[in-house]
PDB file of N, CA and C in Angstrom:
ATOM      1  N   PHE A   1     -88.742 -75.673  57.178  1.00  0.00           N
ATOM      2  CA  PHE A   1     -87.401 -75.734  58.062  1.00  0.00           C
ATOM      3  C   PHE A   1     -86.901 -74.910  59.071  1.00  0.00           C
ATOM      4  N   TYR A   2     -86.797 -73.807  58.425  1.00  0.00           N
ATOM      5  CA  TYR A   2     -86.251 -72.436  59.210  1.00  0.00           C
ATOM      6  C   TYR A   2     -87.086 -72.233  60.501  1.00  0.00           C
ATOM      7  N   ASN A   3     -88.239 -72.491  59.883  1.00  0.00           N
ATOM      8  CA  ASN A   3     -89.439 -71.940  61.601  1.00  0.00           C
ATOM      9  C   ASN A   3     -88.986 -73.240  62.723  1.00  0.00           C
ATOM     10  N   ILE A   4     -88.643 -74.676  62.312  1.00  0.00           N
ATOM     11  CA  ILE A   4     -88.335 -75.352  63.202  1.00  0.00           C
ATOM     12  C   ILE A   4     -86.940 -74.970  64.060  1.00  0.00           C
ATOM     13  N   PHE A   5     -86.312 -74.738  63.275  1.00  0.00           N
ATOM     14  CA  PHE A   5     -84.490 -74.669  63.503  1.00  0.00           C
ATOM     15  C   PHE A   5     -84.774 -73.829  64.916  1.00  0.00           C
ATOM     16  N   MET A   6     -85.491 -72.357  63.919  1.00  0.00           N
ATOM     17  CA  MET A   6     -85.913 -71.286  65.204  1.00  0.00           C
ATOM     18  C   MET A   6     -86.683 -71.547  66.362  1.00  0.00           C
ATOM     19  N   VAL A   7     -87.239 -72.042  66.218  1.00  0.00           N
ATOM     20  CA  VAL A   7     -87.971 -72.385  67.047  1.00  0.00           C
ATOM     21  C   VAL A   7     -87.341 -73.411  68.218  1.00  0.00           C
ATOM     22  N   SER A   8     -86.576 -74.023  67.671  1.00  0.00           N
ATOM     23  CA  SER A   8     -85.984 -75.401  69.006  1.00  0.00           C
ATOM     24  C   SER A   8     -84.799 -74.236  69.461  1.00  0.00           C
ATOM     25  N   LEU A   9     -84.216 -73.171  68.480  1.00  0.00           N
ATOM     26  CA  LEU A   9     -82.888 -72.697  69.566  1.00  0.00           C
ATOM     27  C   LEU A   9     -84.159 -71.578  70.311  1.00  0.00           C
ATOM     28  N   LEU A  10     -84.908 -71.142  70.209  1.00  0.00           N
ATOM     29  CA  LEU A  10     -85.773 -70.245  71.414  1.00  0.00           C
ATOM     30  C   LEU A  10     -85.886 -71.261  72.289  1.00  0.00           C
ATOM     31  N   VAL A  11     -86.003 -72.354  72.187  1.00  0.00           N
ATOM     32  CA  VAL A  11     -86.772 -73.260  73.436  1.00  0.00           C
ATOM     33  C   VAL A  11     -85.335 -73.580  74.081  1.00  0.00           C
ATOM     34  N   THR A  12     -84.477 -74.067  73.534  1.00  0.00           N
ATOM     35  CA  THR A  12     -82.824 -73.994  74.124  1.00  0.00           C
ATOM     36  C   THR A  12     -82.105 -72.727  74.486  1.00  0.00           C
ATOM     37  N   SER A  13     -82.899 -72.011  74.305  1.00  0.00           N
ATOM     38  CA  SER A  13     -82.160 -70.134  74.865  1.00  0.00           C
ATOM     39  C   SER A  13     -81.082 -70.234  74.107  1.00  0.00           C
ATOM     40  N   GLN A  14     -80.676 -70.815  73.199  1.00  0.00           N
ATOM     41  CA  GLN A  14     -79.812 -70.020  72.058  1.00  0.00           C
ATOM     42  C   GLN A  14     -79.863 -69.012  71.288  1.00  0.00           C
ATOM     43  N   LEU A  15     -80.021 -68.232  72.316  1.00  0.00           N
ATOM     44  CA  LEU A  15     -80.323 -66.476  71.191  1.00  0.00           C
ATOM     45  C   LEU A  15     -79.842 -66.201  70.626  1.00  0.00           C
ATOM     46  N   ASN A  16     -78.223 -66.349  70.940  1.00  0.00           N
ATOM     47  CA  ASN A  16     -77.247 -66.014  69.971  1.00  0.00           C
ATOM     48  C   ASN A  16     -77.014 -66.480  68.805  1.00  0.00           C
ATOM     49  N   GLU A  17     -77.011 -68.046  68.367  1.00  0.00           N
ATOM     50  CA  GLU A  17     -77.658 -68.922  67.470  1.00  0.00           C
ATOM     51  C   GLU A  17     -78.583 -68.845  66.575  1.00  0.00           C
ATOM     52  N   ALA A  18     -79.715 -67.881  67.412  1.00  0.00           N
ATOM     53  CA  ALA A  18     -81.227 -68.134  66.460  1.00  0.00           C
ATOM     54  C   ALA A  18     -80.650 -66.546  65.728  1.00  0.00           C
ATOM     55  N   ARG A  19     -79.927 -65.098  66.790  1.00  0.00           N
ATOM     56  CA  ARG A  19     -79.796 -64.281  65.373  1.00  0.00           C
ATOM     57  C   ARG A  19     -78.620 -64.802  64.536  1.00  0.00           C
ATOM     58  N   TYR A  20     -77.546 -65.546  64.326  1.00  0.00           N
ATOM     59  CA  TYR A  20     -76.878 -66.261  63.408  1.00  0.00           C
ATOM     60  C   TYR A  20     -77.820 -66.834  62.242  1.00  0.00           C
ATOM     61  N   LEU A  21     -78.858 -67.821  62.723  1.00  0.00           N
ATOM     62  CA  LEU A  21     -79.348 -68.352  61.796  1.00  0.00           C
ATOM     63  C   LEU A  21     -80.629 -67.063  61.131  1.00  0.00           C
ATOM     64  N   TRP A  22     -80.529 -66.160  61.744  1.00  0.00           N
ATOM     65  CA  TRP A  22     -81.310 -65.101  61.364  1.00  0.00           C
ATOM     66  C   TRP A  22     -80.751 -64.540  59.996  1.00  0.00           C
ATOM     67  N   LYS A  23     -79.466 -64.201  60.467  1.00  0.00           N
ATOM     68  CA  LYS A  23     -78.497 -63.393  59.260  1.00  0.00           C
ATOM     69  C   LYS A  23     -78.215 -64.783  58.017  1.00  0.00           C
ATOM     70  N   ARG A  24     -78.486 -65.504  58.270  1.00  0.00           N
ATOM     71  CA  ARG A  24     -78.188 -66.641  57.266  1.00  0.00           C
ATOM     72  C   ARG A  24     -79.480 -66.989  56.190  1.00  0.00           C
ATOM     73  N   ILE A  25     -80.260 -67.096  56.927  1.00  0.00           N
ATOM     74  CA  ILE A  25     -81.580 -67.166  56.515  1.00  0.00           C
ATOM     75  C   ILE A  25     -81.825 -66.048  55.009  1.00  0.00           C
ATOM     76  N   PRO A  26     -81.523 -66.874  53.622  1.00  0.00           N
ATOM     77  CA  PRO A  26     -82.005 -65.904  52.269  1.00  0.00           C
ATOM     78  C   PRO A  26     -83.038 -64.935  52.749  1.00  0.00           C
ATOM     79  N   SER A  27     -82.554 -63.949  52.336  1.00  0.00           N
ATOM     80  CA  SER A  27     -83.936 -62.627  52.396  1.00  0.00           C
ATOM     81  C   SER A  27     -85.268 -62.766  51.737  1.00  0.00           C
ATOM     82  N   HIS A  28     -85.436 -63.684  50.576  1.00  0.00           N
ATOM     83  CA  HIS A  28     -86.442 -64.334  50.364  1.00  0.00           C
ATOM     84  C   HIS A  28     -87.161 -65.038  51.181  1.00  0.00           C
ATOM     85  N   PHE A  29     -86.818 -65.678  51.891  1.00  0.00           N
ATOM     86  CA  PHE A  29     -87.615 -66.411  53.327  1.00  0.00           C
ATOM     87  C   PHE A  29     -88.352 -65.355  54.255  1.00  0.00           C
ATOM     88  N   LYS A  30     -87.657 -64.077  54.205  1.00  0.00           N
ATOM     89  CA  LYS A  30     -87.899 -63.114  55.203  1.00  0.00           C
ATOM     90  C   LYS A  30     -88.239 -61.575  55.000  1.00  0.00           C
ATOM     91  N   PRO A  31     -89.341 -61.539  54.265  1.00  0.00           N
ATOM     92  CA  PRO A  31     -89.763 -60.394  53.507  1.00  0.00           C
ATOM     93  C   PRO A  31     -90.478 -59.385  54.618  1.00  0.00           C
ATOM     94  N   THR A  32     -90.473 -58.394  54.311  1.00  0.00           N
ATOM     95  CA  THR A  32     -91.308 -57.260  55.674  1.00  0.00           C
ATOM     96  C   THR A  32     -92.657 -57.651  55.169  1.00  0.00           C
ATOM     97  N   GLU A  33     -93.305 -58.241  54.413  1.00  0.00           N
ATOM     98  CA  GLU A  33     -94.776 -58.475  53.777  1.00  0.00           C
ATOM     99  C   GLU A  33     -94.626 -59.756  53.993  1.00  0.00           C
ATOM    100  N   PRO A  34     -94.655 -60.806  55.194  1.00  0.00           N
ATOM    101  CA  PRO A  34     -94.790 -61.939  54.211  1.00  0.00           C
ATOM    102  C   PRO A  34     -96.264 -62.716  53.762  1.00  0.00           C
ATOM    103  N   SER A  35     -95.779 -62.947  52.558  1.00  0.00           N
ATOM    104  CA  SER A  35     -97.052 -63.728  51.693  1.00  0.00           C
ATOM    105  C   SER A  35     -97.320 -65.161  51.637  1.00  0.00           C
ATOM    106  N   ASN A  36     -97.216 -65.610  52.546  1.00  0.00           N
ATOM    107  CA  ASN A  36     -97.589 -66.749  53.233  1.00  0.00           C
ATOM    108  C   ASN A  36     -96.981 -67.559  54.558  1.00  0.00           C
ATOM    109  N   ALA A  37     -98.225 -68.366  54.982  1.00  0.00           N
ATOM    110  CA  ALA A  37     -97.804 -68.622  56.664  1.00  0.00           C
ATOM    111  C   ALA A  37     -96.564 -69.014  57.102  1.00  0.00           C
ATOM    112  N   SER A  38     -95.704 -69.493  56.269  1.00  0.00           N
ATOM    113  CA  SER A  38     -94.494 -70.029  56.907  1.00  0.00           C
ATOM    114  C   SER A  38     -93.729 -68.470  56.790  1.00  0.00           C
ATOM    115  N   GLN A  39     -93.612 -67.711  55.842  1.00  0.00           N
ATOM    116  CA  GLN A  39     -92.681 -66.904  56.374  1.00  0.00           C
ATOM    117  C   GLN A  39     -93.206 -65.939  57.630  1.00  0.00           C
ATOM    118  N   GLN A  40     -94.562 -65.873  57.410  1.00  0.00           N
ATOM    119  CA  GLN A  40     -95.083 -64.888  58.930  1.00  0.00           C
ATOM    120  C   GLN A  40     -94.635 -65.538  60.055  1.00  0.00           C
ATOM    121  N   TYR A  41     -95.319 -67.085  60.129  1.00  0.00           N
ATOM    122  CA  TYR A  41     -94.746 -67.696  61.513  1.00  0.00           C
ATOM    123  C   TYR A  41     -92.830 -67.123  61.868  1.00  0.00           C
ATOM    124  N   LEU A  42     -92.270 -67.123  60.548  1.00  0.00           N
ATOM    125  CA  LEU A  42     -90.620 -66.990  60.360  1.00  0.00           C
ATOM    126  C   LEU A  42     -90.685 -65.573  61.102  1.00  0.00           C
ATOM    127  N   ARG A  43     -91.363 -64.882  60.666  1.00  0.00           N
ATOM    128  CA  ARG A  43     -91.199 -63.343  61.389  1.00  0.00           C
ATOM    129  C   ARG A  43     -91.533 -63.497  62.588  1.00  0.00           C
ATOM    130  N   VAL A  44     -92.849 -63.804  63.102  1.00  0.00           N
ATOM    131  CA  VAL A  44     -93.270 -63.879  64.476  1.00  0.00           C
ATOM    132  C   VAL A  44     -92.408 -64.252  65.362  1.00  0.00           C
ATOM    133  N   LEU A  45     -91.669 -65.537  64.802  1.00  0.00           N
ATOM    134  CA  LEU A  45     -90.636 -66.336  65.683  1.00  0.00           C
ATOM    135  C   LEU A  45     -89.477 -65.129  65.640  1.00  0.00           C
ATOM    136  N   TRP A  46     -89.038 -64.724  64.803  1.00  0.00           N
ATOM    137  CA  TRP A  46     -88.103 -63.661  65.166  1.00  0.00           C
ATOM    138  C   TRP A  46     -88.148 -63.002  65.600  1.00  0.00           C
ATOM    139  N   ASP A  47     -89.169 -61.889  65.654  1.00  0.00           N
ATOM    140  CA  ASP A  47     -89.627 -61.030  66.636  1.00  0.00           C
ATOM    141  C   ASP A  47     -89.690 -62.074  68.237  1.00  0.00           C
ATOM    142  N   ILE A  48     -89.727 -62.846  68.474  1.00  0.00           N
ATOM    143  CA  ILE A  48     -90.384 -63.545  69.756  1.00  0.00           C
ATOM    144  C   ILE A  48     -88.531 -63.039  69.773  1.00  0.00           C
ATOM    145  N   GLY A  49     -87.764 -63.786  69.552  1.00  0.00           N
ATOM    146  CA  GLY A  49     -86.522 -63.828  69.339  1.00  0.00           C
ATOM    147  C   GLY A  49     -85.748 -62.573  69.613  1.00  0.00           C
ATOM    148  N   VAL A  50     -86.078 -61.751  69.181  1.00  0.00           N
ATOM    149  CA  VAL A  50     -85.783 -60.127  69.596  1.00  0.00           C
ATOM    150  C   VAL A  50     -86.216 -59.661  70.516  1.00  0.00           C
ATOM    151  N   GLY A  51     -87.325 -60.224  70.636  1.00  0.00           N
ATOM    152  CA  GLY A  51     -88.172 -59.673  72.763  1.00  0.00           C
ATOM    153  C   GLY A  51     -86.898 -60.351  73.689  1.00  0.00           C
ATOM    154  N   LEU A  52     -86.747 -61.491  73.345  1.00  0.00           N
ATOM    155  CA  LEU A  52     -86.142 -62.125  74.380  1.00  0.00           C
ATOM    156  C   LEU A  52     -84.570 -62.038  74.468  1.00  0.00           C
ATOM    157  N   TRP A  53     -84.039 -61.609  73.370  1.00  0.00           N
ATOM    158  CA  TRP A  53     -83.042 -61.066  73.343  1.00  0.00           C
ATOM    159  C   TRP A  53     -82.732 -59.249  74.015  1.00  0.00           C
ATOM    160  N   GLU A  54     -83.484 -58.843  74.097  1.00  0.00           N
ATOM    161  CA  GLU A  54     -83.857 -57.801  74.523  1.00  0.00           C
ATOM    162  C   GLU A  54     -84.447 -57.318  76.040  1.00  0.00           C
ATOM    163  N   ARG A  55     -84.708 -58.472  77.050  1.00  0.00           N
ATOM    164  CA  ARG A  55     -85.302 -58.688  77.685  1.00  0.00           C
ATOM    165  C   ARG A  55     -86.913 -58.079  77.967  1.00  0.00           C
ATOM    166  N   ASP A  56     -87.373 -58.034  76.862  1.00  0.00           N
ATOM    167  CA  ASP A  56     -88.542 -57.670  76.952  1.00  0.00           C
ATOM    168  C   ASP A  56     -89.953 -58.963  76.680  1.00  0.00           C
ATOM    169  N   LEU A  57     -89.809 -59.815  78.041  1.00  0.00           N
ATOM    170  CA  LEU A  57     -90.671 -60.524  77.853  1.00  0.00           C
ATOM    171  C   LEU A  57     -92.088 -60.494  77.830  1.00  0.00           C
ATOM    172  N   ALA A  58     -92.721 -59.266  77.987  1.00  0.00           N
ATOM    173  CA  ALA A  58     -93.976 -59.137  78.198  1.00  0.00           C
ATOM    174  C   ALA A  58     -94.255 -59.240  76.523  1.00  0.00           C
ATOM    175  N   LYS A  59     -93.200 -58.870  75.470  1.00  0.00           N
ATOM    176  CA  LYS A  59     -93.129 -58.808  74.020  1.00  0.00           C
ATOM    177  C   LYS A  59     -93.357 -59.904  73.423  1.00  0.00           C
ATOM    178  N   ALA A  60     -92.613 -60.626  73.810  1.00  0.00           N
ATOM    179  CA  ALA A  60     -92.005 -62.373  73.288  1.00  0.00           C
ATOM    180  C   ALA A  60     -93.527 -62.937  73.861  1.00  0.00           C
ATOM    181  N   TYR A  61     -93.790 -63.130  74.989  1.00  0.00           N
ATOM    182  CA  TYR A  61     -94.892 -63.767  75.331  1.00  0.00           C
ATOM    183  C   TYR A  61     -96.375 -63.445  74.505  1.00  0.00           C
ATOM    184  N   ASN A  62     -96.445 -62.113  74.852  1.00  0.00           N
ATOM    185  CA  ASN A  62     -97.700 -61.555  74.024  1.00  0.00           C
ATOM    186  C   ASN A  62     -97.864 -62.209  72.804  1.00  0.00           C
ATOM    187  N   LEU A  63     -96.757 -62.260  71.669  1.00  0.00           N
ATOM    188  CA  LEU A  63     -96.617 -62.912  70.802  1.00  0.00           C
ATOM    189  C   LEU A  63     -97.203 -64.394  70.384  1.00  0.00           C
ATOM    190  N   LEU A  64     -96.408 -65.138  71.464  1.00  0.00           N
ATOM    191  CA  LEU A  64     -96.529 -66.407  71.227  1.00  0.00           C
ATOM    192  C   LEU A  64     -98.077 -66.659  71.355  1.00  0.00           C
ATOM    193  N   LEU A  65     -99.076 -65.745  72.541  1.00  0.00           N
ATOM    194  CA  LEU A  65    -100.373 -65.915  72.415  1.00  0.00           C
ATOM    195  C   LEU A  65    -100.646 -65.630  71.341  1.00  0.00           C
ATOM    196  N   THR A  66    -100.758 -64.771  70.914  1.00  0.00           N
ATOM    197  CA  THR A  66    -101.702 -64.002  69.940  1.00  0.00           C
ATOM    198  C   THR A  66    -101.632 -64.443  69.127  1.00  0.00           C
ATOM    199  N   THR A  67    -100.527 -65.332  68.383  1.00  0.00           N
ATOM    200  CA  THR A  67    -100.580 -65.615  66.826  1.00  0.00           C
ATOM    201  C   THR A  67    -100.941 -66.853  66.954  1.00  0.00           C
ATOM    202  N   SER A  68    -101.767 -67.271  65.625  1.00  0.00           N
ATOM    203  CA  SER A  68    -102.636 -68.766  65.650  1.00  0.00           C
ATOM    204  C   SER A  68    -101.184 -69.420  64.982  1.00  0.00           C
ATOM    205  N   TRP A  69    -100.614 -70.254  65.690  1.00  0.00           N
ATOM    206  CA  TRP A  69     -99.467 -71.227  65.069  1.00  0.00           C
ATOM    207  C   TRP A  69    -100.447 -72.553  64.063  1.00  0.00           C
ATOM    208  N   SER A  70     -99.683 -72.890  63.314  1.00  0.00           N
ATOM    209  CA  SER A  70    -100.009 -73.837  62.840  1.00  0.00           C
ATOM    210  C   SER A  70     -99.667 -75.277  63.763  1.00  0.00           C
ATOM    211  N   GLU A  71    -100.338 -76.530  63.234  1.00  0.00           N
ATOM    212  CA  GLU A  71    -100.295 -77.837  63.546  1.00  0.00           C
ATOM    213  C   GLU A  71     -98.953 -77.974  63.903  1.00  0.00           C
ATOM    214  N   ILE A  72     -97.974 -78.068  63.012  1.00  0.00           N
ATOM    215  CA  ILE A  72     -96.802 -78.657  62.809  1.00  0.00           C
ATOM    216  C   ILE A  72     -96.004 -77.961  64.392  1.00  0.00           C
ATOM    217  N   LEU A  73     -95.651 -76.071  64.161  1.00  0.00           N
ATOM    218  CA  LEU A  73     -95.417 -75.430  65.328  1.00  0.00           C
ATOM    219  C   LEU A  73     -95.867 -75.419  66.646  1.00  0.00           C
ATOM    220  N   GLU A  74     -97.137 -75.769  66.644  1.00  0.00           N
ATOM    221  CA  GLU A  74     -97.867 -75.335  68.106  1.00  0.00           C
ATOM    222  C   GLU A  74     -97.293 -76.423  69.334  1.00  0.00           C
ATOM    223  N   ARG A  75     -97.378 -77.259  68.885  1.00  0.00           N
ATOM    224  CA  ARG A  75     -96.255 -78.446  70.684  1.00  0.00           C
ATOM    225  C   ARG A  75     -94.889 -77.176  70.863  1.00  0.00           C
ATOM    226  N   HIS A  76     -94.209 -76.979  69.514  1.00  0.00           N
ATOM    227  CA  HIS A  76     -92.987 -76.242  69.823  1.00  0.00           C
ATOM    228  C   HIS A  76     -92.986 -75.015  70.801  1.00  0.00           C
ATOM    229  N   VAL A  77     -94.295 -74.516  70.034  1.00  0.00           N
ATOM    230  CA  VAL A  77     -94.204 -73.059  70.671  1.00  0.00           C
ATOM    231  C   VAL A  77     -94.634 -73.422  72.364  1.00  0.00           C
ATOM    232  N   ARG A  78     -95.561 -74.233  72.376  1.00  0.00           N
ATOM    233  CA  ARG A  78     -96.043 -74.576  73.823  1.00  0.00           C
ATOM    234  C   ARG A  78     -94.789 -74.651  74.616  1.00  0.00           C
ATOM    235  N   ASN A  79     -94.296 -75.493  74.379  1.00  0.00           N
ATOM    236  CA  ASN A  79     -92.624 -75.769  75.000  1.00  0.00           C
ATOM    237  C   ASN A  79     -91.851 -74.741  75.287  1.00  0.00           C
ATOM    238  N   LEU A  80     -92.149 -73.350  74.169  1.00  0.00           N
ATOM    239  CA  LEU A  80     -91.321 -72.138  74.365  1.00  0.00           C
ATOM    240  C   LEU A  80     -91.889 -71.290  75.296  1.00  0.00           C
ATOM    241  N   ARG A  81     -93.215 -71.605  75.569  1.00  0.00           N
ATOM    242  CA  ARG A  81     -93.669 -70.669  76.262  1.00  0.00           C
ATOM    243  C   ARG A  81     -93.123 -70.923  77.698  1.00  0.00           C
ATOM    244  N   LEU A  82     -93.225 -72.568  77.499  1.00  0.00           N
ATOM    245  CA  LEU A  82     -93.657 -73.102  79.480  1.00  0.00           C
ATOM    246  C   LEU A  82     -92.147 -72.733  79.633  1.00  0.00           C
ATOM    247  N   THR A  83     -91.154 -73.148  78.610  1.00  0.00           N
ATOM    248  CA  THR A  83     -89.823 -72.699  79.092  1.00  0.00           C
ATOM    249  C   THR A  83     -89.451 -71.267  79.471  1.00  0.00           C
ATOM    250  N   ILE A  84     -90.232 -70.148  78.423  1.00  0.00           N
ATOM    251  CA  ILE A  84     -90.152 -68.869  79.316  1.00  0.00           C
ATOM    252  C   ILE A  84     -90.041 -68.708  80.501  1.00  0.00           C
ATOM    253  N   LEU A  85     -91.379 -69.059  80.982  1.00  0.00           N
ATOM    254  CA  LEU A  85     -92.333 -68.999  82.173  1.00  0.00           C
ATOM    255  C   LEU A  85     -91.190 -69.410  83.538  1.00  0.00           C
ATOM    256  N   ARG A  86     -91.150 -70.343  83.320  1.00  0.00           N
ATOM    257  CA  ARG A  86     -90.095 -71.377  84.225  1.00  0.00           C
ATOM    258  C   ARG A  86     -88.564 -70.617  84.078  1.00  0.00           C
ATOM    259  N   ASP A  87     -88.621 -70.341  83.026  1.00  0.00           N
ATOM    260  CA  ASP A  87     -87.098 -69.345  83.420  1.00  0.00           C
ATOM    261  C   ASP A  87     -86.842 -67.637  83.885  1.00  0.00           C
ATOM    262  N   THR A  88     -88.859 -67.336  84.159  1.00  0.00           N
ATOM    263  CA  THR A  88     -88.754 -66.069  84.444  1.00  0.00           C
ATOM    264  C   THR A  88     -89.034 -66.050  85.974  1.00  0.00           C
ATOM    265  N   ILE A  89     -89.632 -67.889  86.259  1.00  0.00           N
ATOM    266  CA  ILE A  89     -90.037 -67.518  87.766  1.00  0.00           C
ATOM    267  C   ILE A  89     -88.248 -67.863  88.693  1.00  0.00           C
ATOM    268  N   ARG A  90     -87.284 -69.220  87.912  1.00  0.00           N
ATOM    269  CA  ARG A  90     -86.270 -69.248  87.989  1.00  0.00           C
ATOM    270  C   ARG A  90     -85.659 -67.651  88.567  1.00  0.00           C
ATOM    271  N   ARG A  91     -85.527 -66.898  87.648  1.00  0.00           N
ATOM    272  CA  ARG A  91     -84.707 -65.728  87.627  1.00  0.00           C
ATOM    273  C   ARG A  91     -85.455 -64.975  88.940  1.00  0.00           C
ATOM    274  N   LEU A  92     -86.879 -64.646  88.968  1.00  0.00           N
ATOM    275  CA  LEU A  92     -87.238 -63.896  90.064  1.00  0.00           C
ATOM    276  C   LEU A  92     -87.053 -64.175  91.087  1.00  0.00           C
ATOM    277  N   SER A  93     -86.988 -65.961  91.727  1.00  0.00           N
ATOM    278  CA  SER A  93     -86.715 -66.480  93.098  1.00  0.00           C
ATOM    279  C   SER A  93     -85.364 -66.645  93.379  1.00  0.00           C
ATOM    280  N   THR A  94     -84.334 -66.248  92.530  1.00  0.00           N
ATOM    281  CA  THR A  94     -83.095 -66.005  93.104  1.00  0.00           C
ATOM    282  C   THR A  94     -82.930 -64.619  93.275  1.00  0.00           C
ATOM    283  N   VAL A  95     -83.488 -63.975  93.168  1.00  0.00           N
ATOM    284  CA  VAL A  95     -83.665 -62.276  93.654  1.00  0.00           C
ATOM    285  C   VAL A  95     -84.172 -61.866  94.966  1.00  0.00           C
ATOM    286  N   HIS A  96     -85.850 -62.716  95.084  1.00  0.00           N
ATOM    287  CA  HIS A  96     -87.048 -62.532  96.103  1.00  0.00           C
ATOM    288  C   HIS A  96     -87.135 -64.315  96.823  1.00  0.00           C
ATOM    289  N   ASN A  97     -87.815 -64.155  97.836  1.00  0.00           N
ATOM    290  CA  ASN A  97     -87.742 -65.443  98.411  1.00  0.00           C
ATOM    291  C   ASN A  97     -89.013 -65.836  98.372  1.00  0.00           C
ATOM    292  N   LYS A  98     -89.722 -64.758  97.592  1.00  0.00           N
ATOM    293  CA  LYS A  98     -91.550 -65.552  97.257  1.00  0.00           C
ATOM    294  C   LYS A  98     -91.420 -65.114  96.082  1.00  0.00           C
ATOM    295  N   VAL A  99     -92.385 -65.617  95.037  1.00  0.00           N
ATOM    296  CA  VAL A  99     -92.499 -64.762  93.366  1.00  0.00           C
ATOM    297  C   VAL A  99     -94.089 -64.835  93.461  1.00  0.00           C
ATOM    298  N   SER A 100     -94.592 -63.786  93.850  1.00  0.00           N
ATOM    299  CA  SER A 100     -96.328 -63.075  93.755  1.00  0.00           C
ATOM    300  C   SER A 100     -96.612 -63.395  92.588  1.00  0.00           C
ATOM    301  N   LEU A 101     -97.879 -63.281  92.083  1.00  0.00           N
ATOM    302  CA  LEU A 101     -98.584 -63.178  90.794  1.00  0.00           C
ATOM    303  C   LEU A 101     -98.362 -61.761  90.615  1.00  0.00           C
ATOM    304  N   THR A 102     -98.142 -61.015  91.522  1.00  0.00           N
ATOM    305  CA  THR A 102     -97.831 -59.507  90.729  1.00  0.00           C
ATOM    306  C   THR A 102     -96.652 -59.818  89.990  1.00  0.00           C
ATOM    307  N   MET A 103     -95.499 -59.621  90.896  1.00  0.00           N
ATOM    308  CA  MET A 103     -94.242 -60.098  90.022  1.00  0.00           C
ATOM    309  C   MET A 103     -94.409 -60.726  88.929  1.00  0.00           C
ATOM    310  N   LEU A 104     -95.046 -62.076  88.798  1.00  0.00           N
ATOM    311  CA  LEU A 104     -94.862 -62.806  87.471  1.00  0.00           C
ATOM    312  C   LEU A 104     -95.502 -61.862  86.503  1.00  0.00           C
ATOM    313  N   GLU A 105     -96.707 -61.216  86.844  1.00  0.00           N
ATOM    314  CA  GLU A 105     -97.535 -60.361  86.147  1.00  0.00           C
ATOM    315  C   GLU A 105     -96.723 -59.228  85.186  1.00  0.00           C
ATOM    316  N   THR A 106     -96.036 -58.741  86.354  1.00  0.00           N
ATOM    317  CA  THR A 106     -95.275 -57.505  85.373  1.00  0.00           C
ATOM    318  C   THR A 106     -94.138 -58.103  84.710  1.00  0.00           C
ATOM    319  N   ALA A 107     -93.805 -59.358  84.951  1.00  0.00           N
ATOM    320  CA  ALA A 107     -92.176 -59.965  84.084  1.00  0.00           C
ATOM    321  C   ALA A 107     -93.148 -60.334  82.927  1.00  0.00           C
ATOM    322  N   ILE A 108     -93.974 -60.929  82.809  1.00  0.00           N
ATOM    323  CA  ILE A 108     -94.673 -61.427  81.126  1.00  0.00           C
ATOM    324  C   ILE A 108     -95.825 -60.889  81.113  1.00  0.00           C
ATOM    325  N   GLY A 109     -96.226 -59.801  81.439  1.00  0.00           N
ATOM    326  CA  GLY A 109     -97.520 -58.941  80.994  1.00  0.00           C
ATOM    327  C   GLY A 109     -98.642 -59.647  80.518  1.00  0.00           C
ATOM    328  N   HIS A 110     -99.126 -60.389  81.953  1.00  0.00           N
ATOM    329  CA  HIS A 110    -100.248 -60.841  81.713  1.00  0.00           C
ATOM    330  C   HIS A 110    -100.680 -61.098  82.944  1.00  0.00           C
ATOM    331  N   SER A 111    -102.275 -60.926  82.845  1.00  0.00           N
ATOM    332  CA  SER A 111    -103.007 -60.583  83.968  1.00  0.00           C
ATOM    333  C   SER A 111    -102.727 -62.135  85.389  1.00  0.00           C
ATOM    334  N   GLN A 112    -103.189 -61.507  85.996  1.00  0.00           N
ATOM    335  CA  GLN A 112    -103.159 -62.292  87.419  1.00  0.00           C
ATOM    336  C   GLN A 112    -104.360 -63.525  87.020  1.00  0.00           C
ATOM    337  N   GLN A 113    -105.188 -63.160  86.936  1.00  0.00           N
ATOM    338  CA  GLN A 113    -106.333 -64.070  86.544  1.00  0.00           C
ATOM    339  C   GLN A 113    -105.761 -65.296  85.475  1.00  0.00           C
ATOM    340  N   VAL A 114    -105.138 -64.504  84.294  1.00  0.00           N
ATOM    341  CA  VAL A 114    -104.179 -65.519  83.385  1.00  0.00           C
ATOM    342  C   VAL A 114    -103.171 -66.366  83.841  1.00  0.00           C
ATOM    343  N   ILE A 115    -102.481 -66.136  84.582  1.00  0.00           N
ATOM    344  CA  ILE A 115    -101.616 -66.616  85.296  1.00  0.00           C
ATOM    345  C   ILE A 115    -102.340 -67.985  86.613  1.00  0.00           C
ATOM    346  N   ALA A 116    -102.819 -67.200  87.056  1.00  0.00           N
ATOM    347  CA  ALA A 116    -103.635 -67.962  88.142  1.00  0.00           C
ATOM    348  C   ALA A 116    -104.439 -69.417  87.353  1.00  0.00           C
ATOM    349  N   THR A 117    -105.164 -69.485  86.591  1.00  0.00           N
ATOM    350  CA  THR A 117    -105.587 -70.383  85.800  1.00  0.00           C
ATOM    351  C   THR A 117    -105.020 -70.897  85.085  1.00  0.00           C
ATOM    352  N   GLY A 118    -103.488 -70.622  84.634  1.00  0.00           N
ATOM    353  CA  GLY A 118    -102.490 -71.547  83.771  1.00  0.00           C
ATOM    354  C   GLY A 118    -102.741 -71.171  82.602  1.00  0.00           C
ATOM    355  N   LYS A 119    -103.840 -70.496  81.897  1.00  0.00           N
ATOM    356  CA  LYS A 119    -103.607 -70.002  80.154  1.00  0.00           C
ATOM    357  C   LYS A 119    -102.969 -69.511  79.642  1.00  0.00           C
ATOM    358  N   CYS A 120    -101.609 -69.126  80.545  1.00  0.00           N
ATOM    359  CA  CYS A 120    -100.269 -68.423  80.019  1.00  0.00           C
ATOM    360  C   CYS A 120     -99.865 -69.634  79.347  1.00  0.00           C
TER     361      CYS A 120
END
């Protein structure tokens, strides 16, 4: 339940609500050393939220790509990746006339080859 709730808040860019959710989650669901996959996913989702909160998009995006997600979470995580990419392009385009692959590479921390192939 908490995993889906957290990723839903992140997809809709409700970072403040995600912070408060994290504070309300009972401590036995969020140990520092997760003992099961559900706890591991919750911890990683929280770390992604922290990355987004701190505008460390490379950290958040890297966690999204390097974590092996459950079948249930995969679709939601894919939506989160697309949301982050779309929002990053939108932010960059408000400042610049053209958004180059180099700019996007710097913003999300992935190579131009990965971005150009759409595997991000």
